């Protein structure tokens, strides 16, 4: 009877996700909502396309947004970023991990008024 509905299959994390999530620091910023497939297509073409994404204030648009999470070392020697499409603060899809350099992270954070010393 309990097997009637079947078990949900757990999808394991990629090596990139495990590596990134093991890093000691994280930072989150939000952008205007867009489909994950759109964002990934733009980033595959040019990783600096993220600089064209429109930043938003979480408190103003928390019903729907694109969350960018940075995972990084304290000295910025290794940085990964991932995008999550969120609706009412619940995840509705996520991108793959992207490894970036500290200059790109600095440029992204400047759009939000955050300066980091690199």
PDB file of N, CA and C in Angstrom:
ATOM      1  N   UNK A   1       0.815  -1.189   0.000  1.00  0.00           N
ATOM      2  CA  UNK A   1       0.000   0.000   0.000  1.00  0.00           C
ATOM      3  C   UNK A   1       0.861   1.255   0.000  1.00  0.00           C
ATOM      4  N   UNK A   2       1.942   1.250   0.784  1.00  0.00           N
ATOM      5  CA  UNK A   2       2.774   2.433   0.846  1.00  0.00           C
ATOM      6  C   UNK A   2       3.581   2.629  -0.430  1.00  0.00           C
ATOM      7  N   UNK A   3       3.808   1.579  -1.182  1.00  0.00           N
ATOM      8  CA  UNK A   3       4.554   1.677  -2.432  1.00  0.00           C
ATOM      9  C   UNK A   3       3.686   2.126  -3.591  1.00  0.00           C
ATOM     10  N   UNK A   4       2.414   2.329  -3.336  1.00  0.00           N
ATOM     11  CA  UNK A   4       1.457   2.691  -4.372  1.00  0.00           C
ATOM     12  C   UNK A   4       1.819   3.995  -5.081  1.00  0.00           C
ATOM     13  N   UNK A   5       2.271   4.965  -4.325  1.00  0.00           N
ATOM     14  CA  UNK A   5       2.546   6.279  -4.894  1.00  0.00           C
ATOM     15  C   UNK A   5       3.974   6.408  -5.390  1.00  0.00           C
ATOM     16  N   UNK A   6       4.800   5.443  -5.132  1.00  0.00           N
ATOM     17  CA  UNK A   6       6.186   5.489  -5.598  1.00  0.00           C
ATOM     18  C   UNK A   6       7.029   6.425  -4.754  1.00  0.00           C
ATOM     19  N   UNK A   7       8.295   6.255  -4.858  1.00  0.00           N
ATOM     20  CA  UNK A   7       9.203   7.098  -4.087  1.00  0.00           C
ATOM     21  C   UNK A   7       9.720   8.220  -4.963  1.00  0.00           C
ATOM     22  N   UNK A   8       9.932   9.346  -4.330  1.00  0.00           N
ATOM     23  CA  UNK A   8      10.543  10.451  -5.055  1.00  0.00           C
ATOM     24  C   UNK A   8      12.021  10.158  -5.204  1.00  0.00           C
ATOM     25  N   UNK A   9      12.508  10.407  -6.362  1.00  0.00           N
ATOM     26  CA  UNK A   9      13.913  10.144  -6.640  1.00  0.00           C
ATOM     27  C   UNK A   9      14.738  11.355  -6.225  1.00  0.00           C
ATOM     28  N   UNK A  10      15.733  11.134  -5.380  1.00  0.00           N
ATOM     29  CA  UNK A  10      16.603  12.223  -4.964  1.00  0.00           C
ATOM     30  C   UNK A  10      17.667  12.441  -6.024  1.00  0.00           C
ATOM     31  N   UNK A  11      17.831  13.672  -6.381  1.00  0.00           N
ATOM     32  CA  UNK A  11      18.857  14.016  -7.354  1.00  0.00           C
ATOM     33  C   UNK A  11      20.076  14.483  -6.576  1.00  0.00           C
ATOM     34  N   UNK A  12      21.202  13.819  -6.798  1.00  0.00           N
ATOM     35  CA  UNK A  12      22.416  14.172  -6.082  1.00  0.00           C
ATOM     36  C   UNK A  12      22.999  15.481  -6.585  1.00  0.00           C
ATOM     37  N   UNK A  13      23.823  16.072  -5.753  1.00  0.00           N
ATOM     38  CA  UNK A  13      24.471  17.328  -6.127  1.00  0.00           C
ATOM     39  C   UNK A  13      25.688  17.039  -6.985  1.00  0.00           C
ATOM     40  N   UNK A  14      25.958  17.961  -7.893  1.00  0.00           N
ATOM     41  CA  UNK A  14      27.138  17.818  -8.739  1.00  0.00           C
ATOM     42  C   UNK A  14      28.390  18.107  -7.910  1.00  0.00           C
ATOM     43  N   UNK A  15      29.519  17.737  -8.451  1.00  0.00           N
ATOM     44  CA  UNK A  15      30.787  18.003  -7.770  1.00  0.00           C
ATOM     45  C   UNK A  15      30.992  19.509  -7.598  1.00  0.00           C
ATOM     46  N   UNK A  16      30.570  20.294  -8.608  1.00  0.00           N
ATOM     47  CA  UNK A  16      30.682  21.753  -8.524  1.00  0.00           C
ATOM     48  C   UNK A  16      29.855  22.292  -7.359  1.00  0.00           C
ATOM     49  N   UNK A  17      28.625  21.788  -7.213  1.00  0.00           N
ATOM     50  CA  UNK A  17      27.764  22.244  -6.121  1.00  0.00           C
ATOM     51  C   UNK A  17      28.357  21.878  -4.764  1.00  0.00           C
ATOM     52  N   UNK A  18      28.857  20.664  -4.648  1.00  0.00           N
ATOM     53  CA  UNK A  18      29.461  20.236  -3.378  1.00  0.00           C
ATOM     54  C   UNK A  18      30.660  21.108  -3.037  1.00  0.00           C
ATOM     55  N   UNK A  19      31.506  21.378  -4.035  1.00  0.00           N
ATOM     56  CA  UNK A  19      32.697  22.196  -3.821  1.00  0.00           C
ATOM     57  C   UNK A  19      32.295  23.618  -3.409  1.00  0.00           C
ATOM     58  N   UNK A  20      31.349  24.201  -4.148  1.00  0.00           N
ATOM     59  CA  UNK A  20      30.928  25.578  -3.872  1.00  0.00           C
ATOM     60  C   UNK A  20      30.289  25.696  -2.488  1.00  0.00           C
ATOM     61  N   UNK A  21      29.416  24.771  -2.147  1.00  0.00           N
ATOM     62  CA  UNK A  21      28.709  24.850  -0.870  1.00  0.00           C
ATOM     63  C   UNK A  21      29.626  24.583   0.319  1.00  0.00           C
ATOM     64  N   UNK A  22      30.802  24.023   0.049  1.00  0.00           N
ATOM     65  CA  UNK A  22      31.782  23.790   1.119  1.00  0.00           C
ATOM     66  C   UNK A  22      32.611  25.044   1.409  1.00  0.00           C
ATOM     67  N   UNK A  23      32.528  26.040   0.546  1.00  0.00           N
ATOM     68  CA  UNK A  23      33.293  27.268   0.761  1.00  0.00           C
ATOM     69  C   UNK A  23      32.725  28.038   1.960  1.00  0.00           C
ATOM     70  N   UNK A  24      33.576  28.788   2.655  1.00  0.00           N
ATOM     71  CA  UNK A  24      33.155  29.385   3.935  1.00  0.00           C
ATOM     72  C   UNK A  24      32.211  30.581   3.861  1.00  0.00           C
ATOM     73  N   UNK A  25      32.169  31.326   2.771  1.00  0.00           N
ATOM     74  CA  UNK A  25      31.385  32.567   2.722  1.00  0.00           C
ATOM     75  C   UNK A  25      30.312  32.504   1.643  1.00  0.00           C
ATOM     76  N   UNK A  26      29.198  33.212   1.874  1.00  0.00           N
ATOM     77  CA  UNK A  26      28.148  33.361   0.856  1.00  0.00           C
ATOM     78  C   UNK A  26      27.665  34.801   0.851  1.00  0.00           C
ATOM     79  N   UNK A  27      27.133  35.203  -0.274  1.00  0.00           N
ATOM     80  CA  UNK A  27      26.537  36.533  -0.438  1.00  0.00           C
ATOM     81  C   UNK A  27      25.386  36.358  -1.407  1.00  0.00           C
ATOM     82  N   UNK A  28      24.259  37.002  -1.127  1.00  0.00           N
ATOM     83  CA  UNK A  28      23.077  36.879  -1.992  1.00  0.00           C
ATOM     84  C   UNK A  28      22.617  38.246  -2.453  1.00  0.00           C
ATOM     85  N   UNK A  29      22.252  38.314  -3.741  1.00  0.00           N
ATOM     86  CA  UNK A  29      21.680  39.521  -4.334  1.00  0.00           C
ATOM     87  C   UNK A  29      20.521  39.098  -5.239  1.00  0.00           C
ATOM     88  N   UNK A  30      19.626  40.034  -5.527  1.00  0.00           N
ATOM     89  CA  UNK A  30      18.443  39.720  -6.319  1.00  0.00           C
ATOM     90  C   UNK A  30      18.399  40.556  -7.595  1.00  0.00           C
ATOM     91  N   UNK A  31      17.869  39.913  -8.643  1.00  0.00           N
ATOM     92  CA  UNK A  31      17.672  40.568  -9.936  1.00  0.00           C
ATOM     93  C   UNK A  31      16.218  40.447 -10.349  1.00  0.00           C
ATOM     94  N   UNK A  32      15.842  41.260 -11.354  1.00  0.00           N
ATOM     95  CA  UNK A  32      14.504  41.159 -11.948  1.00  0.00           C
ATOM     96  C   UNK A  32      14.280  39.711 -12.385  1.00  0.00           C
ATOM     97  N   UNK A  33      13.053  39.210 -12.257  1.00  0.00           N
ATOM     98  CA  UNK A  33      12.806  37.815 -12.616  1.00  0.00           C
ATOM     99  C   UNK A  33      13.005  37.553 -14.105  1.00  0.00           C
ATOM    100  N   UNK A  34      13.591  36.393 -14.394  1.00  0.00           N
ATOM    101  CA  UNK A  34      13.701  35.886 -15.754  1.00  0.00           C
ATOM    102  C   UNK A  34      13.810  34.375 -15.650  1.00  0.00           C
ATOM    103  N   UNK A  35      13.437  33.694 -16.712  1.00  0.00           N
ATOM    104  CA  UNK A  35      13.505  32.240 -16.701  1.00  0.00           C
ATOM    105  C   UNK A  35      14.950  31.789 -16.566  1.00  0.00           C
ATOM    106  N   UNK A  36      15.144  30.689 -15.860  1.00  0.00           N
ATOM    107  CA  UNK A  36      16.481  30.136 -15.687  1.00  0.00           C
ATOM    108  C   UNK A  36      17.099  29.808 -17.044  1.00  0.00           C
ATOM    109  N   UNK A  37      16.306  29.282 -17.954  1.00  0.00           N
ATOM    110  CA  UNK A  37      16.823  28.932 -19.284  1.00  0.00           C
ATOM    111  C   UNK A  37      17.335  30.173 -20.016  1.00  0.00           C
ATOM    112  N   UNK A  38      16.625  31.307 -19.859  1.00  0.00           N
ATOM    113  CA  UNK A  38      17.073  32.568 -20.471  1.00  0.00           C
ATOM    114  C   UNK A  38      18.395  33.021 -19.870  1.00  0.00           C
ATOM    115  N   UNK A  39      18.453  33.000 -18.551  1.00  0.00           N
ATOM    116  CA  UNK A  39      19.666  33.438 -17.858  1.00  0.00           C
ATOM    117  C   UNK A  39      20.853  32.562 -18.244  1.00  0.00           C
ATOM    118  N   UNK A  40      20.657  31.237 -18.265  1.00  0.00           N
ATOM    119  CA  UNK A  40      21.748  30.334 -18.621  1.00  0.00           C
ATOM    120  C   UNK A  40      22.210  30.553 -20.060  1.00  0.00           C
ATOM    121  N   UNK A  41      21.267  30.799 -20.967  1.00  0.00           N
ATOM    122  CA  UNK A  41      21.639  31.042 -22.367  1.00  0.00           C
ATOM    123  C   UNK A  41      22.513  32.288 -22.476  1.00  0.00           C
ATOM    124  N   UNK A  42      22.142  33.343 -21.784  1.00  0.00           N
ATOM    125  CA  UNK A  42      22.940  34.574 -21.808  1.00  0.00           C
ATOM    126  C   UNK A  42      24.315  34.355 -21.190  1.00  0.00           C
ATOM    127  N   UNK A  43      24.367  33.626 -20.087  1.00  0.00           N
ATOM    128  CA  UNK A  43      25.636  33.405 -19.391  1.00  0.00           C
ATOM    129  C   UNK A  43      26.552  32.456 -20.158  1.00  0.00           C
ATOM    130  N   UNK A  44      25.973  31.498 -20.882  1.00  0.00           N
ATOM    131  CA  UNK A  44      26.792  30.587 -21.697  1.00  0.00           C
ATOM    132  C   UNK A  44      27.463  31.351 -22.833  1.00  0.00           C
ATOM    133  N   UNK A  45      26.741  32.324 -23.371  1.00  0.00           N
ATOM    134  CA  UNK A  45      27.291  33.128 -24.453  1.00  0.00           C
ATOM    135  C   UNK A  45      28.410  34.037 -23.949  1.00  0.00           C
ATOM    136  N   UNK A  46      28.161  34.699 -22.806  1.00  0.00           N
ATOM    137  CA  UNK A  46      29.150  35.588 -22.199  1.00  0.00           C
ATOM    138  C   UNK A  46      28.835  35.714 -20.721  1.00  0.00           C
ATOM    139  N   UNK A  47      29.750  35.261 -19.882  1.00  0.00           N
ATOM    140  CA  UNK A  47      29.515  35.271 -18.434  1.00  0.00           C
ATOM    141  C   UNK A  47      29.306  36.688 -17.903  1.00  0.00           C
ATOM    142  N   UNK A  48      29.879  37.688 -18.580  1.00  0.00           N
ATOM    143  CA  UNK A  48      29.712  39.071 -18.145  1.00  0.00           C
ATOM    144  C   UNK A  48      28.316  39.623 -18.473  1.00  0.00           C
ATOM    145  N   UNK A  49      27.481  38.829 -19.123  1.00  0.00           N
ATOM    146  CA  UNK A  49      26.099  39.240 -19.395  1.00  0.00           C
ATOM    147  C   UNK A  49      25.333  39.469 -18.099  1.00  0.00           C
ATOM    148  N   UNK A  50      25.807  38.903 -17.011  1.00  0.00           N
ATOM    149  CA  UNK A  50      25.158  39.112 -15.715  1.00  0.00           C
ATOM    150  C   UNK A  50      25.142  40.597 -15.354  1.00  0.00           C
ATOM    151  N   UNK A  51      26.075  41.352 -15.875  1.00  0.00           N
ATOM    152  CA  UNK A  51      26.112  42.786 -15.600  1.00  0.00           C
ATOM    153  C   UNK A  51      24.947  43.533 -16.255  1.00  0.00           C
ATOM    154  N   UNK A  52      24.279  42.884 -17.207  1.00  0.00           N
ATOM    155  CA  UNK A  52      23.108  43.487 -17.863  1.00  0.00           C
ATOM    156  C   UNK A  52      21.809  43.154 -17.129  1.00  0.00           C
ATOM    157  N   UNK A  53      21.855  42.214 -16.190  1.00  0.00           N
ATOM    158  CA  UNK A  53      20.665  41.869 -15.419  1.00  0.00           C
ATOM    159  C   UNK A  53      20.298  43.074 -14.548  1.00  0.00           C
ATOM    160  N   UNK A  54      19.002  43.280 -14.341  1.00  0.00           N
ATOM    161  CA  UNK A  54      18.526  44.451 -13.599  1.00  0.00           C
ATOM    162  C   UNK A  54      18.400  44.112 -12.113  1.00  0.00           C
ATOM    163  N   UNK A  55      19.164  44.816 -11.262  1.00  0.00           N
ATOM    164  CA  UNK A  55      19.060  44.548  -9.821  1.00  0.00           C
ATOM    165  C   UNK A  55      17.731  45.038  -9.253  1.00  0.00           C
ATOM    166  N   UNK A  56      17.259  44.335  -8.222  1.00  0.00           N
ATOM    167  CA  UNK A  56      16.026  44.747  -7.546  1.00  0.00           C
ATOM    168  C   UNK A  56      16.233  44.697  -6.045  1.00  0.00           C
ATOM    169  N   UNK A  57      15.366  45.405  -5.359  1.00  0.00           N
ATOM    170  CA  UNK A  57      15.348  45.387  -3.907  1.00  0.00           C
ATOM    171  C   UNK A  57      14.452  44.232  -3.473  1.00  0.00           C
ATOM    172  N   UNK A  58      14.995  43.311  -2.692  1.00  0.00           N
ATOM    173  CA  UNK A  58      14.238  42.138  -2.235  1.00  0.00           C
ATOM    174  C   UNK A  58      12.915  42.541  -1.586  1.00  0.00           C
ATOM    175  N   UNK A  59      12.934  43.546  -0.754  1.00  0.00           N
ATOM    176  CA  UNK A  59      11.732  43.925  -0.015  1.00  0.00           C
ATOM    177  C   UNK A  59      10.655  44.523  -0.916  1.00  0.00           C
ATOM    178  N   UNK A  60      11.051  45.051  -2.058  1.00  0.00           N
ATOM    179  CA  UNK A  60      10.080  45.636  -2.981  1.00  0.00           C
ATOM    180  C   UNK A  60       9.454  44.577  -3.890  1.00  0.00           C
ATOM    181  N   UNK A  61      10.201  43.515  -4.200  1.00  0.00           N
ATOM    182  CA  UNK A  61       9.699  42.530  -5.172  1.00  0.00           C
ATOM    183  C   UNK A  61       9.906  41.103  -4.690  1.00  0.00           C
ATOM    184  N   UNK A  62       9.583  40.810  -3.464  1.00  0.00           N
ATOM    185  CA  UNK A  62       9.862  39.475  -2.971  1.00  0.00           C
ATOM    186  C   UNK A  62       8.863  38.414  -3.425  1.00  0.00           C
ATOM    187  N   UNK A  63       7.876  38.796  -4.225  1.00  0.00           N
ATOM    188  CA  UNK A  63       6.950  37.795  -4.733  1.00  0.00           C
ATOM    189  C   UNK A  63       7.551  37.006  -5.900  1.00  0.00           C
ATOM    190  N   UNK A  64       8.503  37.607  -6.646  1.00  0.00           N
ATOM    191  CA  UNK A  64       9.104  36.917  -7.791  1.00  0.00           C
ATOM    192  C   UNK A  64      10.421  37.607  -8.124  1.00  0.00           C
ATOM    193  N   UNK A  65      11.522  36.841  -8.126  1.00  0.00           N
ATOM    194  CA  UNK A  65      12.832  37.414  -8.412  1.00  0.00           C
ATOM    195  C   UNK A  65      13.833  36.323  -8.773  1.00  0.00           C
ATOM    196  N   UNK A  66      14.972  36.739  -9.277  1.00  0.00           N
ATOM    197  CA  UNK A  66      16.077  35.841  -9.597  1.00  0.00           C
ATOM    198  C   UNK A  66      17.149  36.063  -8.532  1.00  0.00           C
ATOM    199  N   UNK A  67      17.374  35.050  -7.715  1.00  0.00           N
ATOM    200  CA  UNK A  67      18.336  35.137  -6.619  1.00  0.00           C
ATOM    201  C   UNK A  67      19.697  34.662  -7.108  1.00  0.00           C
ATOM    202  N   UNK A  68      20.703  35.472  -6.901  1.00  0.00           N
ATOM    203  CA  UNK A  68      22.079  35.105  -7.235  1.00  0.00           C
ATOM    204  C   UNK A  68      22.825  34.873  -5.931  1.00  0.00           C
ATOM    205  N   UNK A  69      23.363  33.678  -5.767  1.00  0.00           N
ATOM    206  CA  UNK A  69      24.123  33.349  -4.565  1.00  0.00           C
ATOM    207  C   UNK A  69      25.576  33.136  -4.939  1.00  0.00           C
ATOM    208  N   UNK A  70      26.449  33.842  -4.236  1.00  0.00           N
ATOM    209  CA  UNK A  70      27.890  33.669  -4.405  1.00  0.00           C
ATOM    210  C   UNK A  70      28.405  32.787  -3.277  1.00  0.00           C
ATOM    211  N   UNK A  71      29.239  31.840  -3.605  1.00  0.00           N
ATOM    212  CA  UNK A  71      29.950  31.007  -2.634  1.00  0.00           C
ATOM    213  C   UNK A  71      31.423  31.305  -2.854  1.00  0.00           C
ATOM    214  N   UNK A  72      32.146  31.686  -1.795  1.00  0.00           N
ATOM    215  CA  UNK A  72      33.524  32.112  -2.037  1.00  0.00           C
ATOM    216  C   UNK A  72      34.437  31.941  -0.837  1.00  0.00           C
ATOM    217  N   UNK A  73      35.746  31.924  -1.149  1.00  0.00           N
ATOM    218  CA  UNK A  73      36.790  31.912  -0.127  1.00  0.00           C
ATOM    219  C   UNK A  73      36.921  33.328   0.424  1.00  0.00           C
ATOM    220  N   UNK A  74      37.419  33.448   1.634  1.00  0.00           N
ATOM    221  CA  UNK A  74      37.551  34.771   2.243  1.00  0.00           C
ATOM    222  C   UNK A  74      38.493  35.683   1.470  1.00  0.00           C
ATOM    223  N   UNK A  75      39.479  35.106   0.785  1.00  0.00           N
ATOM    224  CA  UNK A  75      40.424  35.914   0.006  1.00  0.00           C
ATOM    225  C   UNK A  75      39.999  36.049  -1.462  1.00  0.00           C
ATOM    226  N   UNK A  76      38.797  35.598  -1.791  1.00  0.00           N
ATOM    227  CA  UNK A  76      38.235  35.659  -3.152  1.00  0.00           C
ATOM    228  C   UNK A  76      39.050  34.854  -4.167  1.00  0.00           C
ATOM    229  N   UNK A  77      39.809  33.876  -3.712  1.00  0.00           N
ATOM    230  CA  UNK A  77      40.614  33.068  -4.628  1.00  0.00           C
ATOM    231  C   UNK A  77      39.760  32.066  -5.397  1.00  0.00           C
ATOM    232  N   UNK A  78      38.607  31.719  -4.859  1.00  0.00           N
ATOM    233  CA  UNK A  78      37.680  30.817  -5.543  1.00  0.00           C
ATOM    234  C   UNK A  78      36.276  31.336  -5.319  1.00  0.00           C
ATOM    235  N   UNK A  79      35.551  31.559  -6.427  1.00  0.00           N
ATOM    236  CA  UNK A  79      34.195  32.108  -6.345  1.00  0.00           C
ATOM    237  C   UNK A  79      33.291  31.337  -7.298  1.00  0.00           C
ATOM    238  N   UNK A  80      32.148  30.918  -6.801  1.00  0.00           N
ATOM    239  CA  UNK A  80      31.120  30.260  -7.617  1.00  0.00           C
ATOM    240  C   UNK A  80      29.831  31.057  -7.458  1.00  0.00           C
ATOM    241  N   UNK A  81      29.008  31.079  -8.516  1.00  0.00           N
ATOM    242  CA  UNK A  81      27.695  31.715  -8.384  1.00  0.00           C
ATOM    243  C   UNK A  81      26.643  30.816  -9.007  1.00  0.00           C
ATOM    244  N   UNK A  82      25.435  30.911  -8.446  1.00  0.00           N
ATOM    245  CA  UNK A  82      24.297  30.136  -8.938  1.00  0.00           C
ATOM    246  C   UNK A  82      23.064  31.027  -8.876  1.00  0.00           C
ATOM    247  N   UNK A  83      22.172  30.834  -9.823  1.00  0.00           N
ATOM    248  CA  UNK A  83      20.925  31.598  -9.863  1.00  0.00           C
ATOM    249  C   UNK A  83      19.753  30.688  -9.524  1.00  0.00           C
ATOM    250  N   UNK A  84      18.842  31.209  -8.711  1.00  0.00           N
ATOM    251  CA  UNK A  84      17.609  30.505  -8.353  1.00  0.00           C
ATOM    252  C   UNK A  84      16.436  31.396  -8.724  1.00  0.00           C
ATOM    253  N   UNK A  85      15.466  30.835  -9.426  1.00  0.00           N
ATOM    254  CA  UNK A  85      14.233  31.560  -9.705  1.00  0.00           C
ATOM    255  C   UNK A  85      13.328  31.338  -8.508  1.00  0.00           C
ATOM    256  N   UNK A  86      12.869  32.410  -7.868  1.00  0.00           N
ATOM    257  CA  UNK A  86      12.062  32.313  -6.650  1.00  0.00           C
ATOM    258  C   UNK A  86      10.700  32.954  -6.857  1.00  0.00           C
ATOM    259  N   UNK A  87       9.679  32.280  -6.373  1.00  0.00           N
ATOM    260  CA  UNK A  87       8.315  32.805  -6.357  1.00  0.00           C
ATOM    261  C   UNK A  87       7.809  32.659  -4.925  1.00  0.00           C
ATOM    262  N   UNK A  88       7.420  33.771  -4.324  1.00  0.00           N
ATOM    263  CA  UNK A  88       6.988  33.790  -2.918  1.00  0.00           C
ATOM    264  C   UNK A  88       8.031  33.128  -2.020  1.00  0.00           C
ATOM    265  N   UNK A  89       9.283  33.423  -2.273  1.00  0.00           N
ATOM    266  CA  UNK A  89      10.435  32.922  -1.512  1.00  0.00           C
ATOM    267  C   UNK A  89      10.664  31.415  -1.630  1.00  0.00           C
ATOM    268  N   UNK A  90       9.959  30.760  -2.519  1.00  0.00           N
ATOM    269  CA  UNK A  90      10.169  29.323  -2.730  1.00  0.00           C
ATOM    270  C   UNK A  90      10.911  29.102  -4.039  1.00  0.00           C
ATOM    271  N   UNK A  91      11.891  28.203  -4.057  1.00  0.00           N
ATOM    272  CA  UNK A  91      12.649  27.955  -5.286  1.00  0.00           C
ATOM    273  C   UNK A  91      11.789  27.292  -6.350  1.00  0.00           C
ATOM    274  N   UNK A  92      11.914  27.779  -7.569  1.00  0.00           N
ATOM    275  CA  UNK A  92      11.165  27.234  -8.702  1.00  0.00           C
ATOM    276  C   UNK A  92      12.106  26.813  -9.836  1.00  0.00           C
ATOM    277  N   UNK A  93      13.366  26.681  -9.531  1.00  0.00           N
ATOM    278  CA  UNK A  93      14.355  26.267 -10.528  1.00  0.00           C
ATOM    279  C   UNK A  93      15.677  26.925 -10.228  1.00  0.00           C
ATOM    280  N   UNK A  94      16.760  26.232 -10.610  1.00  0.00           N
ATOM    281  CA  UNK A  94      18.077  26.808 -10.369  1.00  0.00           C
ATOM    282  C   UNK A  94      18.987  26.527 -11.548  1.00  0.00           C
ATOM    283  N   UNK A  95      19.954  27.402 -11.689  1.00  0.00           N
ATOM    284  CA  UNK A  95      20.923  27.264 -12.777  1.00  0.00           C
ATOM    285  C   UNK A  95      22.056  26.353 -12.326  1.00  0.00           C
ATOM    286  N   UNK A  96      22.932  26.075 -13.244  1.00  0.00           N
ATOM    287  CA  UNK A  96      24.143  25.355 -12.876  1.00  0.00           C
ATOM    288  C   UNK A  96      25.087  26.329 -12.184  1.00  0.00           C
ATOM    289  N   UNK A  97      26.162  25.826 -11.631  1.00  0.00           N
ATOM    290  CA  UNK A  97      27.162  26.665 -10.966  1.00  0.00           C
ATOM    291  C   UNK A  97      28.083  27.279 -12.016  1.00  0.00           C
ATOM    292  N   UNK A  98      28.466  28.513 -11.778  1.00  0.00           N
ATOM    293  CA  UNK A  98      29.418  29.207 -12.649  1.00  0.00           C
ATOM    294  C   UNK A  98      30.600  29.660 -11.807  1.00  0.00           C
ATOM    295  N   UNK A  99      31.792  29.321 -12.239  1.00  0.00           N
ATOM    296  CA  UNK A  99      32.972  29.806 -11.534  1.00  0.00           C
ATOM    297  C   UNK A  99      33.346  31.147 -12.160  1.00  0.00           C
ATOM    298  N   UNK A 100      33.537  32.150 -11.309  1.00  0.00           N
ATOM    299  CA  UNK A 100      33.859  33.488 -11.796  1.00  0.00           C
ATOM    300  C   UNK A 100      35.098  34.003 -11.068  1.00  0.00           C
ATOM    301  N   UNK A 101      35.601  35.139 -11.550  1.00  0.00           N
ATOM    302  CA  UNK A 101      36.761  35.734 -10.886  1.00  0.00           C
ATOM    303  C   UNK A 101      36.309  36.886  -9.986  1.00  0.00           C
ATOM    304  N   UNK A 102      37.232  37.362  -9.179  1.00  0.00           N
ATOM    305  CA  UNK A 102      36.885  38.394  -8.195  1.00  0.00           C
ATOM    306  C   UNK A 102      36.543  39.730  -8.844  1.00  0.00           C
ATOM    307  N   UNK A 103      37.058  40.002 -10.026  1.00  0.00           N
ATOM    308  CA  UNK A 103      36.731  41.257 -10.719  1.00  0.00           C
ATOM    309  C   UNK A 103      35.258  41.264 -11.120  1.00  0.00           C
ATOM    310  N   UNK A 104      34.769  40.144 -11.651  1.00  0.00           N
ATOM    311  CA  UNK A 104      33.354  40.074 -12.032  1.00  0.00           C
ATOM    312  C   UNK A 104      32.460  40.152 -10.799  1.00  0.00           C
ATOM    313  N   UNK A 105      32.839  39.482  -9.730  1.00  0.00           N
ATOM    314  CA  UNK A 105      32.034  39.564  -8.499  1.00  0.00           C
ATOM    315  C   UNK A 105      31.992  41.005  -7.994  1.00  0.00           C
ATOM    316  N   UNK A 106      33.134  41.666  -8.019  1.00  0.00           N
ATOM    317  CA  UNK A 106      33.182  43.067  -7.584  1.00  0.00           C
ATOM    318  C   UNK A 106      32.248  43.922  -8.449  1.00  0.00           C
ATOM    319  N   UNK A 107      32.285  43.729  -9.769  1.00  0.00           N
ATOM    320  CA  UNK A 107      31.449  44.509 -10.672  1.00  0.00           C
ATOM    321  C   UNK A 107      29.956  44.252 -10.450  1.00  0.00           C
ATOM    322  N   UNK A 108      29.601  42.994 -10.176  1.00  0.00           N
ATOM    323  CA  UNK A 108      28.189  42.663  -9.901  1.00  0.00           C
ATOM    324  C   UNK A 108      27.742  43.336  -8.609  1.00  0.00           C
ATOM    325  N   UNK A 109      28.548  43.217  -7.568  1.00  0.00           N
ATOM    326  CA  UNK A 109      28.163  43.783  -6.274  1.00  0.00           C
ATOM    327  C   UNK A 109      28.104  45.307  -6.299  1.00  0.00           C
ATOM    328  N   UNK A 110      28.898  45.930  -7.149  1.00  0.00           N
ATOM    329  CA  UNK A 110      28.843  47.398  -7.271  1.00  0.00           C
ATOM    330  C   UNK A 110      27.477  47.871  -7.743  1.00  0.00           C
ATOM    331  N   UNK A 111      26.782  47.033  -8.532  1.00  0.00           N
ATOM    332  CA  UNK A 111      25.437  47.399  -8.977  1.00  0.00           C
ATOM    333  C   UNK A 111      24.472  47.516  -7.803  1.00  0.00           C
ATOM    334  N   UNK A 112      24.827  46.882  -6.683  1.00  0.00           N
ATOM    335  CA  UNK A 112      23.999  46.909  -5.486  1.00  0.00           C
ATOM    336  C   UNK A 112      24.547  47.850  -4.431  1.00  0.00           C
ATOM    337  N   UNK A 113      25.588  48.629  -4.789  1.00  0.00           N
ATOM    338  CA  UNK A 113      26.167  49.571  -3.854  1.00  0.00           C
ATOM    339  C   UNK A 113      27.106  48.923  -2.837  1.00  0.00           C
ATOM    340  N   UNK A 114      27.608  47.734  -3.149  1.00  0.00           N
ATOM    341  CA  UNK A 114      28.501  47.020  -2.240  1.00  0.00           C
ATOM    342  C   UNK A 114      29.897  47.004  -2.866  1.00  0.00           C
ATOM    343  N   UNK A 115      30.879  47.487  -2.119  1.00  0.00           N
ATOM    344  CA  UNK A 115      32.266  47.464  -2.594  1.00  0.00           C
ATOM    345  C   UNK A 115      33.041  46.431  -1.811  1.00  0.00           C
ATOM    346  N   UNK A 116      33.822  45.639  -2.542  1.00  0.00           N
ATOM    347  CA  UNK A 116      34.703  44.677  -1.879  1.00  0.00           C
ATOM    348  C   UNK A 116      36.130  45.037  -2.242  1.00  0.00           C
ATOM    349  N   UNK A 117      37.032  44.814  -1.313  1.00  0.00           N
ATOM    350  CA  UNK A 117      38.454  45.071  -1.557  1.00  0.00           C
ATOM    351  C   UNK A 117      39.092  43.830  -2.129  1.00  0.00           C
ATOM    352  N   UNK A 118      39.557  43.943  -3.373  1.00  0.00           N
ATOM    353  CA  UNK A 118      40.200  42.783  -3.996  1.00  0.00           C
ATOM    354  C   UNK A 118      41.674  43.029  -4.244  1.00  0.00           C
TER     355      UNK A 118
END
